[in-house]
Amino acid sequence: MNHHTFTALADPHRFQIVELLRERPHSVGEIADRLGLRQPQTSKHLRVLVGAGLIDLHPQANRRVAHLRPTPFRDLDDWLTRYRPLWEERLDRLDDYLRTLPPEEPTPDPTEPGGSP
């Protein structure tokens, strides 16, 4: 895994493309239509995803079809797995701390009788 993976996925449109490709491979035109992008914008985003190694584009008749490449996502999952115990420990400590706090008093609803204006 490399930093290009994170850079590519950081853009909301590219992230949406990856999410769309989880369903099945899509042509460039289908991706553009589904995401409401123009063809040149879509092609630009796809070039970045190809460059990061996240997808492949294959010609099919007169279309180019985008497919996810599984290896980079397995690598990303492996990398995240190494950090999971750290975050679980921190979240457990936060949960323990939150349990020590006194319960909050409910805020009166000003629209109900007896509520403050």
N, C-alpha and C. Protein backbone atom coordinates (compact mmCIF):
# COMPACT_ATOMS: atom_id res chain seq x y z
N MET A 1 0.84 -1.18 0.00
CA MET A 1 0.00 0.00 0.00
C MET A 1 0.89 1.24 0.00
N ASN A 2 0.43 2.28 -0.68
CA ASN A 2 1.22 3.51 -0.72
C ASN A 2 0.32 4.72 -0.49
N HIS A 3 0.95 5.87 -0.38
CA HIS A 3 0.18 7.08 -0.09
C HIS A 3 -0.76 7.45 -1.23
N HIS A 4 -0.52 6.94 -2.44
CA HIS A 4 -1.40 7.24 -3.56
C HIS A 4 -2.81 6.69 -3.32
N THR A 5 -2.90 5.60 -2.57
CA THR A 5 -4.21 5.04 -2.25
C THR A 5 -5.04 6.06 -1.49
N PHE A 6 -4.46 6.63 -0.44
CA PHE A 6 -5.19 7.61 0.37
C PHE A 6 -5.49 8.88 -0.41
N THR A 7 -4.52 9.33 -1.21
CA THR A 7 -4.72 10.53 -2.01
C THR A 7 -5.86 10.33 -2.99
N ALA A 8 -5.88 9.17 -3.63
CA ALA A 8 -6.94 8.90 -4.60
C ALA A 8 -8.31 8.82 -3.93
N LEU A 9 -8.38 8.17 -2.78
CA LEU A 9 -9.67 7.98 -2.11
C LEU A 9 -10.13 9.22 -1.35
N ALA A 10 -9.24 10.19 -1.15
CA ALA A 10 -9.61 11.39 -0.40
C ALA A 10 -10.58 12.27 -1.16
N ASP A 11 -10.57 12.19 -2.48
CA ASP A 11 -11.49 13.00 -3.27
C ASP A 11 -12.88 12.37 -3.23
N PRO A 12 -13.91 13.15 -2.90
CA PRO A 12 -15.27 12.57 -2.78
C PRO A 12 -15.77 11.89 -4.06
N HIS A 13 -15.47 12.47 -5.23
CA HIS A 13 -15.94 11.84 -6.47
C HIS A 13 -15.24 10.50 -6.70
N ARG A 14 -13.95 10.43 -6.44
CA ARG A 14 -13.24 9.17 -6.63
C ARG A 14 -13.71 8.12 -5.63
N PHE A 15 -13.98 8.57 -4.41
CA PHE A 15 -14.52 7.64 -3.41
C PHE A 15 -15.87 7.10 -3.88
N GLN A 16 -16.71 7.98 -4.44
CA GLN A 16 -18.02 7.54 -4.96
C GLN A 16 -17.86 6.56 -6.12
N ILE A 17 -16.87 6.79 -6.96
CA ILE A 17 -16.61 5.87 -8.06
C ILE A 17 -16.25 4.49 -7.53
N VAL A 18 -15.38 4.44 -6.54
CA VAL A 18 -14.99 3.16 -5.94
C VAL A 18 -16.20 2.48 -5.33
N GLU A 19 -17.02 3.23 -4.63
CA GLU A 19 -18.23 2.65 -4.03
C GLU A 19 -19.16 2.11 -5.11
N LEU A 20 -19.28 2.83 -6.21
CA LEU A 20 -20.11 2.38 -7.32
C LEU A 20 -19.56 1.09 -7.93
N LEU A 21 -18.25 1.01 -8.05
CA LEU A 21 -17.63 -0.18 -8.65
C LEU A 21 -17.69 -1.40 -7.73
N ARG A 22 -18.00 -1.18 -6.46
CA ARG A 22 -18.19 -2.34 -5.56
C ARG A 22 -19.37 -3.18 -6.03
N GLU A 23 -20.39 -2.51 -6.61
CA GLU A 23 -21.58 -3.23 -7.09
C GLU A 23 -21.21 -4.17 -8.23
N ARG A 24 -20.50 -3.60 -9.22
CA ARG A 24 -20.12 -4.33 -10.43
C ARG A 24 -19.28 -3.39 -11.28
N PRO A 25 -18.59 -3.92 -12.30
CA PRO A 25 -17.88 -3.03 -13.21
C PRO A 25 -18.86 -2.12 -13.94
N HIS A 26 -18.41 -0.90 -14.25
CA HIS A 26 -19.24 0.07 -14.97
C HIS A 26 -18.42 0.69 -16.09
N SER A 27 -19.11 1.09 -17.15
CA SER A 27 -18.43 1.82 -18.22
C SER A 27 -18.22 3.26 -17.75
N VAL A 28 -17.32 3.95 -18.44
CA VAL A 28 -17.05 5.35 -18.10
C VAL A 28 -18.33 6.16 -18.20
N GLY A 29 -19.11 5.92 -19.25
CA GLY A 29 -20.37 6.65 -19.43
C GLY A 29 -21.36 6.38 -18.31
N GLU A 30 -21.46 5.13 -17.88
CA GLU A 30 -22.36 4.80 -16.76
C GLU A 30 -21.94 5.51 -15.48
N ILE A 31 -20.64 5.53 -15.23
CA ILE A 31 -20.15 6.21 -14.02
C ILE A 31 -20.49 7.69 -14.09
N ALA A 32 -20.24 8.31 -15.24
CA ALA A 32 -20.54 9.73 -15.39
C ALA A 32 -22.02 9.99 -15.16
N ASP A 33 -22.88 9.15 -15.75
CA ASP A 33 -24.33 9.33 -15.58
C ASP A 33 -24.76 9.14 -14.13
N ARG A 34 -24.28 8.08 -13.50
CA ARG A 34 -24.70 7.78 -12.12
C ARG A 34 -24.28 8.85 -11.14
N LEU A 35 -23.10 9.46 -11.38
CA LEU A 35 -22.58 10.46 -10.44
C LEU A 35 -22.87 11.89 -10.88
N GLY A 36 -23.50 12.06 -12.03
CA GLY A 36 -23.82 13.41 -12.50
C GLY A 36 -22.58 14.20 -12.89
N LEU A 37 -21.57 13.52 -13.42
CA LEU A 37 -20.33 14.18 -13.83
C LEU A 37 -20.27 14.24 -15.35
N ARG A 38 -19.49 15.17 -15.86
CA ARG A 38 -19.23 15.20 -17.29
C ARG A 38 -18.18 14.14 -17.61
N GLN A 39 -18.18 13.68 -18.85
CA GLN A 39 -17.26 12.62 -19.27
C GLN A 39 -15.79 12.99 -19.01
N PRO A 40 -15.34 14.22 -19.35
CA PRO A 40 -13.94 14.55 -19.09
C PRO A 40 -13.57 14.50 -17.60
N GLN A 41 -14.49 14.97 -16.74
CA GLN A 41 -14.24 14.90 -15.28
C GLN A 41 -14.10 13.45 -14.85
N THR A 42 -15.01 12.61 -15.33
CA THR A 42 -14.99 11.20 -14.96
C THR A 42 -13.69 10.55 -15.40
N SER A 43 -13.28 10.83 -16.64
CA SER A 43 -12.03 10.25 -17.16
C SER A 43 -10.84 10.70 -16.33
N LYS A 44 -10.84 11.95 -15.91
CA LYS A 44 -9.74 12.47 -15.07
C LYS A 44 -9.68 11.70 -13.75
N HIS A 45 -10.83 11.52 -13.11
CA HIS A 45 -10.86 10.79 -11.84
C HIS A 45 -10.44 9.34 -12.03
N LEU A 46 -10.88 8.75 -13.13
CA LEU A 46 -10.50 7.35 -13.39
C LEU A 46 -9.00 7.21 -13.62
N ARG A 47 -8.39 8.19 -14.29
CA ARG A 47 -6.93 8.15 -14.50
C ARG A 47 -6.19 8.14 -13.16
N VAL A 48 -6.68 8.94 -12.21
CA VAL A 48 -6.06 8.98 -10.88
C VAL A 48 -6.21 7.62 -10.19
N LEU A 49 -7.40 7.04 -10.29
CA LEU A 49 -7.64 5.73 -9.65
C LEU A 49 -6.80 4.64 -10.30
N VAL A 50 -6.64 4.70 -11.62
CA VAL A 50 -5.77 3.74 -12.32
C VAL A 50 -4.33 3.95 -11.87
N GLY A 51 -3.89 5.21 -11.81
CA GLY A 51 -2.53 5.51 -11.39
C GLY A 51 -2.22 5.05 -9.98
N ALA A 52 -3.23 5.06 -9.12
CA ALA A 52 -3.05 4.59 -7.74
C ALA A 52 -3.15 3.07 -7.65
N GLY A 53 -3.48 2.43 -8.77
CA GLY A 53 -3.57 0.97 -8.78
C GLY A 53 -4.86 0.43 -8.21
N LEU A 54 -5.87 1.28 -8.03
CA LEU A 54 -7.12 0.84 -7.41
C LEU A 54 -8.10 0.23 -8.40
N ILE A 55 -8.01 0.66 -9.67
CA ILE A 55 -8.91 0.11 -10.68
C ILE A 55 -8.13 -0.19 -11.95
N ASP A 56 -8.76 -0.97 -12.81
CA ASP A 56 -8.27 -1.21 -14.16
C ASP A 56 -9.37 -0.77 -15.12
N LEU A 57 -8.97 -0.29 -16.28
CA LEU A 57 -9.91 0.03 -17.35
C LEU A 57 -9.66 -0.93 -18.50
N HIS A 58 -10.72 -1.58 -18.98
CA HIS A 58 -10.60 -2.53 -20.08
C HIS A 58 -11.51 -2.10 -21.22
N PRO A 59 -10.98 -2.10 -22.44
CA PRO A 59 -11.86 -1.79 -23.57
C PRO A 59 -12.84 -2.94 -23.80
N GLN A 60 -14.08 -2.56 -24.08
CA GLN A 60 -15.13 -3.54 -24.36
C GLN A 60 -15.99 -2.94 -25.47
N ALA A 61 -15.83 -3.44 -26.67
CA ALA A 61 -16.49 -2.87 -27.85
C ALA A 61 -16.07 -1.40 -27.96
N ASN A 62 -17.03 -0.49 -27.94
CA ASN A 62 -16.67 0.94 -28.06
C ASN A 62 -16.68 1.65 -26.71
N ARG A 63 -16.60 0.89 -25.63
CA ARG A 63 -16.61 1.47 -24.28
C ARG A 63 -15.36 1.06 -23.53
N ARG A 64 -15.09 1.82 -22.46
CA ARG A 64 -14.05 1.42 -21.51
C ARG A 64 -14.76 1.09 -20.21
N VAL A 65 -14.46 -0.06 -19.66
CA VAL A 65 -15.14 -0.54 -18.45
C VAL A 65 -14.15 -0.56 -17.30
N ALA A 66 -14.57 0.02 -16.19
CA ALA A 66 -13.73 0.10 -14.99
C ALA A 66 -14.05 -1.06 -14.05
N HIS A 67 -12.99 -1.67 -13.53
CA HIS A 67 -13.09 -2.79 -12.58
C HIS A 67 -12.22 -2.46 -11.37
N LEU A 68 -12.70 -2.80 -10.18
CA LEU A 68 -11.86 -2.67 -8.99
C LEU A 68 -10.76 -3.72 -9.02
N ARG A 69 -9.60 -3.35 -8.51
CA ARG A 69 -8.51 -4.31 -8.30
C ARG A 69 -8.52 -4.68 -6.82
N PRO A 70 -8.67 -5.95 -6.47
CA PRO A 70 -8.81 -6.33 -5.07
C PRO A 70 -7.55 -6.16 -4.22
N THR A 71 -6.38 -6.34 -4.80
CA THR A 71 -5.14 -6.34 -4.01
C THR A 71 -4.93 -5.05 -3.22
N PRO A 72 -5.08 -3.86 -3.80
CA PRO A 72 -4.86 -2.66 -3.00
C PRO A 72 -5.82 -2.54 -1.81
N PHE A 73 -7.02 -3.05 -1.97
CA PHE A 73 -7.98 -2.97 -0.87
C PHE A 73 -7.65 -3.98 0.22
N ARG A 74 -7.12 -5.14 -0.16
CA ARG A 74 -6.64 -6.09 0.86
C ARG A 74 -5.45 -5.49 1.60
N ASP A 75 -4.56 -4.83 0.86
CA ASP A 75 -3.41 -4.18 1.50
C ASP A 75 -3.86 -3.10 2.46
N LEU A 76 -4.85 -2.32 2.06
CA LEU A 76 -5.39 -1.28 2.92
C LEU A 76 -6.02 -1.88 4.18
N ASP A 77 -6.75 -2.97 4.02
CA ASP A 77 -7.35 -3.64 5.17
C ASP A 77 -6.28 -4.19 6.10
N ASP A 78 -5.22 -4.76 5.54
CA ASP A 78 -4.11 -5.26 6.37
C ASP A 78 -3.48 -4.13 7.17
N TRP A 79 -3.29 -2.99 6.52
CA TRP A 79 -2.69 -1.84 7.18
C TRP A 79 -3.59 -1.34 8.31
N LEU A 80 -4.88 -1.23 8.04
CA LEU A 80 -5.83 -0.77 9.06
C LEU A 80 -5.93 -1.75 10.22
N THR A 81 -5.81 -3.04 9.92
CA THR A 81 -5.90 -4.07 10.96
C THR A 81 -4.82 -3.88 12.02
N ARG A 82 -3.66 -3.41 11.60
CA ARG A 82 -2.58 -3.18 12.58
C ARG A 82 -2.94 -2.07 13.57
N TYR A 83 -3.79 -1.14 13.18
CA TYR A 83 -4.17 -0.02 14.04
C TYR A 83 -5.45 -0.28 14.83
N ARG A 84 -6.20 -1.30 14.44
CA ARG A 84 -7.48 -1.57 15.09
C ARG A 84 -7.36 -1.76 16.60
N PRO A 85 -6.38 -2.53 17.12
CA PRO A 85 -6.27 -2.68 18.58
C PRO A 85 -6.02 -1.35 19.29
N LEU A 86 -5.22 -0.49 18.70
CA LEU A 86 -4.95 0.81 19.30
C LEU A 86 -6.24 1.62 19.43
N TRP A 87 -7.03 1.68 18.36
CA TRP A 87 -8.26 2.47 18.40
C TRP A 87 -9.31 1.82 19.30
N GLU A 88 -9.37 0.50 19.31
CA GLU A 88 -10.32 -0.16 20.20
C GLU A 88 -9.98 0.13 21.66
N GLU A 89 -8.67 0.11 21.98
CA GLU A 89 -8.25 0.42 23.35
C GLU A 89 -8.64 1.86 23.72
N ARG A 90 -8.39 2.78 22.80
CA ARG A 90 -8.72 4.19 23.08
C ARG A 90 -10.22 4.39 23.21
N LEU A 91 -10.99 3.74 22.38
CA LEU A 91 -12.44 3.86 22.48
C LEU A 91 -12.96 3.21 23.76
N ASP A 92 -12.35 2.11 24.17
CA ASP A 92 -12.74 1.48 25.45
C ASP A 92 -12.47 2.43 26.61
N ARG A 93 -11.30 3.10 26.58
CA ARG A 93 -10.98 4.05 27.65
C ARG A 93 -11.96 5.22 27.64
N LEU A 94 -12.33 5.71 26.46
CA LEU A 94 -13.30 6.79 26.37
C LEU A 94 -14.64 6.33 26.92
N ASP A 95 -15.05 5.12 26.58
CA ASP A 95 -16.31 4.58 27.08
C ASP A 95 -16.27 4.49 28.61
N ASP A 96 -15.15 4.00 29.16
CA ASP A 96 -15.01 3.92 30.62
C ASP A 96 -15.13 5.31 31.25
N TYR A 97 -14.49 6.29 30.65
CA TYR A 97 -14.54 7.66 31.18
C TYR A 97 -15.97 8.20 31.12
N LEU A 98 -16.64 8.00 30.00
CA LEU A 98 -18.00 8.53 29.86
C LEU A 98 -18.96 7.91 30.88
N ARG A 99 -18.70 6.68 31.25
CA ARG A 99 -19.55 6.03 32.26
C ARG A 99 -19.37 6.65 33.65
N THR A 100 -18.23 7.33 33.88
CA THR A 100 -18.00 7.95 35.19
C THR A 100 -18.69 9.31 35.31
N LEU A 101 -19.13 9.88 34.19
CA LEU A 101 -19.76 11.20 34.22
C LEU A 101 -21.18 11.09 34.75
N PRO A 102 -21.63 12.11 35.49
CA PRO A 102 -23.02 12.09 35.95
C PRO A 102 -23.97 12.28 34.77
N PRO A 103 -25.17 11.74 34.87
CA PRO A 103 -26.13 11.91 33.77
C PRO A 103 -26.48 13.39 33.59
N GLU A 104 -26.73 13.77 32.37
CA GLU A 104 -27.10 15.16 32.09
C GLU A 104 -28.55 15.39 32.48
N GLU A 105 -28.80 16.61 32.93
CA GLU A 105 -30.17 17.01 33.22
C GLU A 105 -30.85 17.30 31.88
N PRO A 106 -32.09 16.84 31.71
CA PRO A 106 -32.77 17.13 30.46
C PRO A 106 -33.01 18.63 30.31
N THR A 107 -32.86 19.13 29.10
CA THR A 107 -33.10 20.54 28.81
C THR A 107 -34.59 20.73 28.61
N PRO A 108 -35.19 21.70 29.34
CA PRO A 108 -36.65 21.92 29.17
C PRO A 108 -36.99 22.36 27.75
N ASP A 109 -38.10 21.86 27.26
CA ASP A 109 -38.59 22.24 25.93
C ASP A 109 -39.40 23.52 26.08
N PRO A 110 -38.95 24.64 25.46
CA PRO A 110 -39.65 25.92 25.65
C PRO A 110 -41.04 25.91 25.04
N THR A 111 -41.37 24.95 24.19
CA THR A 111 -42.71 24.93 23.58
C THR A 111 -43.72 24.20 24.44
N GLU A 112 -43.25 23.51 25.47
CA GLU A 112 -44.16 22.78 26.34
C GLU A 112 -44.51 23.62 27.57
N PRO A 113 -45.70 23.39 28.15
CA PRO A 113 -46.05 24.14 29.37
C PRO A 113 -45.02 23.90 30.46
N GLY A 114 -44.62 24.97 31.10
CA GLY A 114 -43.64 24.88 32.16
C GLY A 114 -42.22 25.02 31.64
N GLY A 115 -42.03 24.98 30.32
CA GLY A 115 -40.71 25.16 29.74
C GLY A 115 -40.33 26.62 29.76
N SER A 116 -39.05 26.92 29.81
CA SER A 116 -38.65 28.33 29.86
C SER A 116 -38.72 28.93 28.46
N PRO A 117 -39.02 30.23 28.36
CA PRO A 117 -39.19 30.88 27.05
C PRO A 117 -37.93 31.02 26.27
